[in-house]
């Protein structure tokens, strides 16, 4: 297996080495310092939000995985993996047959973004933590960094929990209609 270097658009001085058709996360290498960092971003969360938003907009009518995949620009296989996780969490119901498809498992006002996030992430940890170290300075740094990351993570998860699928759908509709919402309720 070969790793193809790709320039990182976000971080100058970094290149990404991506293993084609691999389940391994991309590896970033800082050319100047030769430090290595793993970029672990779950791409299923945006897909989950897209699915839940489209199903909410549909108002109870079922949508097939092919239609949902086409609207997101991904393959039905990728989308079905996310659908399965949402179904296990009780957020989506899937019906088989000629008139089958997926529908929301609950009212969109009772589903929040954190539930969607946790449905597609095996580990709800959002931010990387400082590794365990032996040295006194390293342990102190790890305690500080891990506390900071924990606080930031808690704030992000609380924000996700405060937004429902119904609210997301209302906001997206307002953008599409050119009428931005004045406040979030």
C-alpha atoms as a PDB file:
ATOM      1  CA  UNK A   1       0.000   0.000   0.000  1.00  0.00           C
ATOM      2  CA  UNK A   2       1.393   3.396  -0.909  1.00  0.00           C
ATOM      3  CA  UNK A   3       0.728   6.660   0.859  1.00  0.00           C
ATOM      4  CA  UNK A   4       0.175   9.672  -1.360  1.00  0.00           C
ATOM      5  CA  UNK A   5       1.326  13.029   0.074  1.00  0.00           C
ATOM      6  CA  UNK A   6      -1.250  15.802  -0.282  1.00  0.00           C
ATOM      7  CA  UNK A   7      -0.791  19.441   0.790  1.00  0.00           C
ATOM      8  CA  UNK A   8      -2.836  20.303   3.833  1.00  0.00           C
ATOM      9  CA  UNK A   9      -4.972  23.343   3.077  1.00  0.00           C
ATOM     10  CA  UNK A  10      -5.612  24.112   6.732  1.00  0.00           C
ATOM     11  CA  UNK A  11      -2.154  24.021   8.234  1.00  0.00           C
ATOM     12  CA  UNK A  12       0.788  25.514   6.323  1.00  0.00           C
ATOM     13  CA  UNK A  13       3.886  23.372   6.643  1.00  0.00           C
ATOM     14  CA  UNK A  14       1.878  20.155   6.922  1.00  0.00           C
ATOM     15  CA  UNK A  15       1.261  17.502   4.316  1.00  0.00           C
ATOM     16  CA  UNK A  16      -1.256  14.695   4.616  1.00  0.00           C
ATOM     17  CA  UNK A  17      -0.410  11.103   3.781  1.00  0.00           C
ATOM     18  CA  UNK A  18      -3.554   9.262   2.810  1.00  0.00           C
ATOM     19  CA  UNK A  19      -3.685   5.518   2.351  1.00  0.00           C
ATOM     20  CA  UNK A  20      -6.076   4.821  -0.526  1.00  0.00           C
ATOM     21  CA  UNK A  21      -9.053   2.604   0.390  1.00  0.00           C
ATOM     22  CA  UNK A  22      -7.858   2.374   3.969  1.00  0.00           C
ATOM     23  CA  UNK A  23      -9.768   2.650   7.205  1.00  0.00           C
ATOM     24  CA  UNK A  24      -6.744   4.243   8.839  1.00  0.00           C
ATOM     25  CA  UNK A  25      -7.068   7.930   9.699  1.00  0.00           C
ATOM     26  CA  UNK A  26      -5.021  10.373   7.627  1.00  0.00           C
ATOM     27  CA  UNK A  27      -1.618  11.100   9.125  1.00  0.00           C
ATOM     28  CA  UNK A  28      -0.275  14.659   9.172  1.00  0.00           C
ATOM     29  CA  UNK A  29       3.469  15.291   9.134  1.00  0.00           C
ATOM     30  CA  UNK A  30       4.887  18.697   9.975  1.00  0.00           C
ATOM     31  CA  UNK A  31       7.739  19.097   7.507  1.00  0.00           C
ATOM     32  CA  UNK A  32       9.531  21.688   9.638  1.00  0.00           C
ATOM     33  CA  UNK A  33       9.525  19.798  12.959  1.00  0.00           C
ATOM     34  CA  UNK A  34       8.904  16.224  11.744  1.00  0.00           C
ATOM     35  CA  UNK A  35       6.177  15.786  14.383  1.00  0.00           C
ATOM     36  CA  UNK A  36       3.319  13.437  13.587  1.00  0.00           C
ATOM     37  CA  UNK A  37      -0.343  14.037  14.440  1.00  0.00           C
ATOM     38  CA  UNK A  38      -3.341  11.860  13.669  1.00  0.00           C
ATOM     39  CA  UNK A  39      -6.363  13.643  12.262  1.00  0.00           C
ATOM     40  CA  UNK A  40      -9.415  11.800  13.510  1.00  0.00           C
ATOM     41  CA  UNK A  41     -12.591  13.390  12.226  1.00  0.00           C
ATOM     42  CA  UNK A  42     -15.771  11.386  11.981  1.00  0.00           C
ATOM     43  CA  UNK A  43     -17.290  12.236   8.619  1.00  0.00           C
ATOM     44  CA  UNK A  44     -20.466  10.388   9.558  1.00  0.00           C
ATOM     45  CA  UNK A  45     -21.787  13.212  11.763  1.00  0.00           C
ATOM     46  CA  UNK A  46     -22.480  15.634   8.885  1.00  0.00           C
ATOM     47  CA  UNK A  47     -24.080  12.747   6.963  1.00  0.00           C
ATOM     48  CA  UNK A  48     -26.255  11.954   9.997  1.00  0.00           C
ATOM     49  CA  UNK A  49     -27.370  15.589  10.242  1.00  0.00           C
ATOM     50  CA  UNK A  50     -28.114  15.616   6.517  1.00  0.00           C
ATOM     51  CA  UNK A  51     -30.217  12.460   6.815  1.00  0.00           C
ATOM     52  CA  UNK A  52     -32.134  13.707   9.851  1.00  0.00           C
ATOM     53  CA  UNK A  53     -32.670  17.127   8.289  1.00  0.00           C
ATOM     54  CA  UNK A  54     -33.956  15.704   5.014  1.00  0.00           C
ATOM     55  CA  UNK A  55     -36.274  13.299   6.826  1.00  0.00           C
ATOM     56  CA  UNK A  56     -37.603  16.153   8.984  1.00  0.00           C
ATOM     57  CA  UNK A  57     -38.190  18.278   5.883  1.00  0.00           C
ATOM     58  CA  UNK A  58     -40.030  15.371   4.282  1.00  0.00           C
ATOM     59  CA  UNK A  59     -42.618  15.484   7.082  1.00  0.00           C
ATOM     60  CA  UNK A  60     -43.034  11.745   7.561  1.00  0.00           C
ATOM     61  CA  UNK A  61     -42.765  10.521   3.980  1.00  0.00           C
ATOM     62  CA  UNK A  62     -40.142   7.787   3.537  1.00  0.00           C
ATOM     63  CA  UNK A  63     -36.953   8.388   1.563  1.00  0.00           C
ATOM     64  CA  UNK A  64     -34.749   5.665   0.092  1.00  0.00           C
ATOM     65  CA  UNK A  65     -31.054   5.471   0.827  1.00  0.00           C
ATOM     66  CA  UNK A  66     -30.387   6.060  -2.886  1.00  0.00           C
ATOM     67  CA  UNK A  67     -32.238   9.397  -2.796  1.00  0.00           C
ATOM     68  CA  UNK A  68     -30.574  10.450   0.467  1.00  0.00           C
ATOM     69  CA  UNK A  69     -27.128   9.450  -0.850  1.00  0.00           C
ATOM     70  CA  UNK A  70     -27.692  11.402  -4.052  1.00  0.00           C
ATOM     71  CA  UNK A  71     -28.686  14.548  -2.145  1.00  0.00           C
ATOM     72  CA  UNK A  72     -25.504  14.324  -0.061  1.00  0.00           C
ATOM     73  CA  UNK A  73     -23.224  13.272  -2.908  1.00  0.00           C
ATOM     74  CA  UNK A  74     -22.084   9.969  -1.445  1.00  0.00           C
ATOM     75  CA  UNK A  75     -22.684   6.310  -2.186  1.00  0.00           C
ATOM     76  CA  UNK A  76     -25.774   4.507  -0.861  1.00  0.00           C
ATOM     77  CA  UNK A  77     -23.456   2.043   0.914  1.00  0.00           C
ATOM     78  CA  UNK A  78     -21.812   4.812   2.967  1.00  0.00           C
ATOM     79  CA  UNK A  79     -25.181   6.346   3.715  1.00  0.00           C
ATOM     80  CA  UNK A  80     -26.677   2.998   4.805  1.00  0.00           C
ATOM     81  CA  UNK A  81     -23.882   2.570   7.362  1.00  0.00           C
ATOM     82  CA  UNK A  82     -24.889   5.868   8.942  1.00  0.00           C
ATOM     83  CA  UNK A  83     -28.601   5.011   8.664  1.00  0.00           C
ATOM     84  CA  UNK A  84     -27.972   1.758  10.535  1.00  0.00           C
ATOM     85  CA  UNK A  85     -26.354   3.637  13.429  1.00  0.00           C
ATOM     86  CA  UNK A  86     -29.192   6.164  13.538  1.00  0.00           C
ATOM     87  CA  UNK A  87     -31.680   3.285  13.513  1.00  0.00           C
ATOM     88  CA  UNK A  88     -29.905   1.510  16.412  1.00  0.00           C
ATOM     89  CA  UNK A  89     -30.174   4.772  18.384  1.00  0.00           C
ATOM     90  CA  UNK A  90     -33.905   4.981  17.671  1.00  0.00           C
ATOM     91  CA  UNK A  91     -33.583   8.203  15.679  1.00  0.00           C
ATOM     92  CA  UNK A  92     -34.611   6.651  12.341  1.00  0.00           C
ATOM     93  CA  UNK A  93     -36.931   3.831  11.295  1.00  0.00           C
ATOM     94  CA  UNK A  94     -36.415   1.977   8.027  1.00  0.00           C
ATOM     95  CA  UNK A  95     -39.160   0.129   6.184  1.00  0.00           C
ATOM     96  CA  UNK A  96     -38.494  -2.423   3.457  1.00  0.00           C
ATOM     97  CA  UNK A  97     -40.541  -3.020   0.351  1.00  0.00           C
ATOM     98  CA  UNK A  98     -41.876  -1.181  -2.680  1.00  0.00           C
ATOM     99  CA  UNK A  99     -43.006   1.828  -0.658  1.00  0.00           C
ATOM    100  CA  UNK A 100     -40.226   1.542   1.895  1.00  0.00           C
ATOM    101  CA  UNK A 101     -37.540   3.918   2.954  1.00  0.00           C
ATOM    102  CA  UNK A 102     -36.428   5.754   6.050  1.00  0.00           C
ATOM    103  CA  UNK A 103     -38.435   8.072   8.288  1.00  0.00           C
ATOM    104  CA  UNK A 104     -37.656   9.803  11.564  1.00  0.00           C
ATOM    105  CA  UNK A 105     -38.096   7.499  14.555  1.00  0.00           C
ATOM    106  CA  UNK A 106     -39.391  10.346  16.720  1.00  0.00           C
ATOM    107  CA  UNK A 107     -40.723  13.837  16.383  1.00  0.00           C
ATOM    108  CA  UNK A 108     -37.892  16.173  15.209  1.00  0.00           C
ATOM    109  CA  UNK A 109     -38.504  18.424  18.226  1.00  0.00           C
ATOM    110  CA  UNK A 110     -37.375  15.556  20.499  1.00  0.00           C
ATOM    111  CA  UNK A 111     -34.122  14.717  18.665  1.00  0.00           C
ATOM    112  CA  UNK A 112     -31.095  16.890  19.373  1.00  0.00           C
ATOM    113  CA  UNK A 113     -27.787  17.143  17.546  1.00  0.00           C
ATOM    114  CA  UNK A 114     -25.879  15.560  20.434  1.00  0.00           C
ATOM    115  CA  UNK A 115     -27.995  12.411  20.103  1.00  0.00           C
ATOM    116  CA  UNK A 116     -27.091  12.296  16.418  1.00  0.00           C
ATOM    117  CA  UNK A 117     -23.411  12.858  17.246  1.00  0.00           C
ATOM    118  CA  UNK A 118     -23.382  10.076  19.840  1.00  0.00           C
ATOM    119  CA  UNK A 119     -25.274   7.716  17.520  1.00  0.00           C
ATOM    120  CA  UNK A 120     -22.491   7.767  14.922  1.00  0.00           C
ATOM    121  CA  UNK A 121     -19.480   8.023  17.237  1.00  0.00           C
ATOM    122  CA  UNK A 122     -18.392   4.962  19.183  1.00  0.00           C
ATOM    123  CA  UNK A 123     -16.324   7.225  21.431  1.00  0.00           C
ATOM    124  CA  UNK A 124     -18.098  10.447  22.390  1.00  0.00           C
ATOM    125  CA  UNK A 125     -14.718  12.085  23.045  1.00  0.00           C
ATOM    126  CA  UNK A 126     -14.535  15.040  20.660  1.00  0.00           C
ATOM    127  CA  UNK A 127     -11.011  16.357  21.215  1.00  0.00           C
ATOM    128  CA  UNK A 128      -7.716  14.494  21.472  1.00  0.00           C
ATOM    129  CA  UNK A 129      -6.120  14.288  24.901  1.00  0.00           C
ATOM    130  CA  UNK A 130      -2.493  14.686  25.963  1.00  0.00           C
ATOM    131  CA  UNK A 131      -0.884  11.245  26.192  1.00  0.00           C
ATOM    132  CA  UNK A 132       0.133   9.726  29.533  1.00  0.00           C
ATOM    133  CA  UNK A 133       3.707  10.715  30.419  1.00  0.00           C
ATOM    134  CA  UNK A 134       6.284   9.837  33.055  1.00  0.00           C
ATOM    135  CA  UNK A 135       7.969  13.194  33.596  1.00  0.00           C
ATOM    136  CA  UNK A 136       6.748  15.735  36.149  1.00  0.00           C
ATOM    137  CA  UNK A 137       6.484  18.555  33.609  1.00  0.00           C
ATOM    138  CA  UNK A 138       4.750  16.328  31.086  1.00  0.00           C
ATOM    139  CA  UNK A 139       2.211  15.167  33.691  1.00  0.00           C
ATOM    140  CA  UNK A 140       1.483  18.774  34.684  1.00  0.00           C
ATOM    141  CA  UNK A 141       1.102  19.748  31.030  1.00  0.00           C
ATOM    142  CA  UNK A 142      -1.161  16.746  30.405  1.00  0.00           C
ATOM    143  CA  UNK A 143      -3.363  17.710  33.369  1.00  0.00           C
ATOM    144  CA  UNK A 144      -3.695  21.268  32.060  1.00  0.00           C
ATOM    145  CA  UNK A 145      -4.295  20.312  28.420  1.00  0.00           C
ATOM    146  CA  UNK A 146      -6.720  17.509  29.272  1.00  0.00           C
ATOM    147  CA  UNK A 147      -8.705  19.803  31.579  1.00  0.00           C
ATOM    148  CA  UNK A 148      -8.868  22.455  28.887  1.00  0.00           C
ATOM    149  CA  UNK A 149      -9.934  19.934  26.242  1.00  0.00           C
ATOM    150  CA  UNK A 150     -12.517  18.442  28.607  1.00  0.00           C
ATOM    151  CA  UNK A 151     -14.062  21.870  29.262  1.00  0.00           C
ATOM    152  CA  UNK A 152     -14.145  22.723  25.543  1.00  0.00           C
ATOM    153  CA  UNK A 153     -15.629  19.325  24.750  1.00  0.00           C
ATOM    154  CA  UNK A 154     -18.341  19.731  27.407  1.00  0.00           C
ATOM    155  CA  UNK A 155     -19.268  23.134  25.973  1.00  0.00           C
ATOM    156  CA  UNK A 156     -19.489  21.742  22.433  1.00  0.00           C
ATOM    157  CA  UNK A 157     -21.620  18.772  23.495  1.00  0.00           C
ATOM    158  CA  UNK A 158     -23.913  21.084  25.500  1.00  0.00           C
ATOM    159  CA  UNK A 159     -24.346  23.282  22.412  1.00  0.00           C
ATOM    160  CA  UNK A 160     -25.183  20.241  20.282  1.00  0.00           C
ATOM    161  CA  UNK A 161     -27.686  19.124  22.914  1.00  0.00           C
ATOM    162  CA  UNK A 162     -29.382  22.547  22.858  1.00  0.00           C
ATOM    163  CA  UNK A 163     -30.261  22.319  19.145  1.00  0.00           C
ATOM    164  CA  UNK A 164     -33.055  20.052  17.892  1.00  0.00           C
ATOM    165  CA  UNK A 165     -33.512  18.619  14.419  1.00  0.00           C
ATOM    166  CA  UNK A 166     -36.698  20.688  14.170  1.00  0.00           C
ATOM    167  CA  UNK A 167     -34.715  23.854  14.915  1.00  0.00           C
ATOM    168  CA  UNK A 168     -32.009  22.882  12.413  1.00  0.00           C
ATOM    169  CA  UNK A 169     -34.659  22.245   9.756  1.00  0.00           C
ATOM    170  CA  UNK A 170     -36.320  25.604  10.449  1.00  0.00           C
ATOM    171  CA  UNK A 171     -32.973  27.393  10.221  1.00  0.00           C
ATOM    172  CA  UNK A 172     -31.948  25.675   6.967  1.00  0.00           C
ATOM    173  CA  UNK A 173     -35.354  26.472   5.437  1.00  0.00           C
ATOM    174  CA  UNK A 174     -34.965  30.136   6.388  1.00  0.00           C
ATOM    175  CA  UNK A 175     -31.566  30.283   4.677  1.00  0.00           C
ATOM    176  CA  UNK A 176     -32.944  28.613   1.551  1.00  0.00           C
ATOM    177  CA  UNK A 177     -35.851  31.062   1.458  1.00  0.00           C
ATOM    178  CA  UNK A 178     -33.572  34.052   2.046  1.00  0.00           C
ATOM    179  CA  UNK A 179     -35.190  34.914   5.368  1.00  0.00           C
ATOM    180  CA  UNK A 180     -32.614  34.480   8.134  1.00  0.00           C
ATOM    181  CA  UNK A 181     -33.987  33.694  11.592  1.00  0.00           C
ATOM    182  CA  UNK A 182     -33.714  36.546  14.056  1.00  0.00           C
ATOM    183  CA  UNK A 183     -33.204  34.396  17.142  1.00  0.00           C
ATOM    184  CA  UNK A 184     -32.876  30.760  18.101  1.00  0.00           C
ATOM    185  CA  UNK A 185     -35.715  29.579  20.287  1.00  0.00           C
END
